[in-house]
Amino acid sequence: MVNNLFTRTGSQADFTRFYTKLLGEKICVRQEVRDKKAYILSEHMQGELTNLHQLFLDLNLVAAAVLDGLPPDSLKDAIGEFLTRCPVYRYYGNSLPLTDEETTAVRGIFNQIRQAKPDLNPATDQLENVLLVQPLTAGADYNGRALRFYQRCMQFTGPLMAKGVEDTLMYVYNRFIGHDEVGDSPEYFGLTTGQFHQKMMDRQTRWPLALNATSTHDTKRGEDVRSRLNVLTELTGEWTEAVLAWQQLNRPAADETGEQPEREAPDRNDEYFIYQTLIGSYPMPGQDEDDFPSRLAA
């Protein structure tokens, strides 16, 4: 929240426009979030997805005849979509039926799947039936089994969010790396003073004992680096002009390495990431450089 307070909200459109022009394509952050989570699930957590699918079958939550009528692999794919489209790290419901608020959130995920993947509708309907519909009338035994499946899903949505967003998206979506932070979000671009004060009043009212930190063990950039990056949002014109000039200065080096695959140059996205890193961390006048060039190169 403090990081957003020091970001000029009015610069969002200019930063987005420049980044789109730089890459030659328009990037939808929310789609990128889903894509990166889907990639992590497919490439690194396939075993967990298989185990969840098997658990669903073992718990006998749906009649065998109904399962046999589903398209092959559609149930497993629907479970995967449920995990990747979960908009938060996890939900904490520990009994079925879920609360009204959590039911609305989970139903929203299923509706998203139906809209994006209509071929999975029969499987999606079964998942919704198991988690949201049946528990309204089922007994303790069924609800206990369904809850076990739901809570196992919630054990994987958190790691999927962490790996897909914190450790992947935050290094490839470089519109403004000052917000590529745990606790912040690449989607955010500043808060007005009034909005900030309202959020602080809400926190005082609802979470008076919460920990307020501007840096943690998960922080990717320290407060000093983020503070310097935030200044760029006050200097949009000067910043974009400087980046274009640096690109021209470095173009011969990029062209030269392009002919030598073993010395591959950064692409435009990585190049922009490097410029922001330099601005945020380059030693101030009079400061010890502390072997900065070698550290940056590494």
Foldseek 3Di string as FASTA:
>chain_A
DVLQALADQVLVVVLQVLVCVLVVHHDDVLVLQLVLLLVCCVPPVVVLLVVLVVLVVVLPLDDPVLVVPQDPCLLSVLLSQLLSQQPDLFDDDQFPPGDPVVLVSSVVSLVVCCVVPVSSVSSSVSLCCQHHNCSVPDDPSSRVSSSVSRVSSSVPSNVSSCCRQLVPVLQQPPSQNLQSWVVGHPVDGHDHPVRVVVVVVVCCVPPVPDDDDPDDPRGPDHPQLSSQSSVCSVVVPVVSVVLVVVCVVCVVVQVVCVVPVVSHDDRSRVSSVLVSSCRSDQDDVPDDRPVVVVVSVD
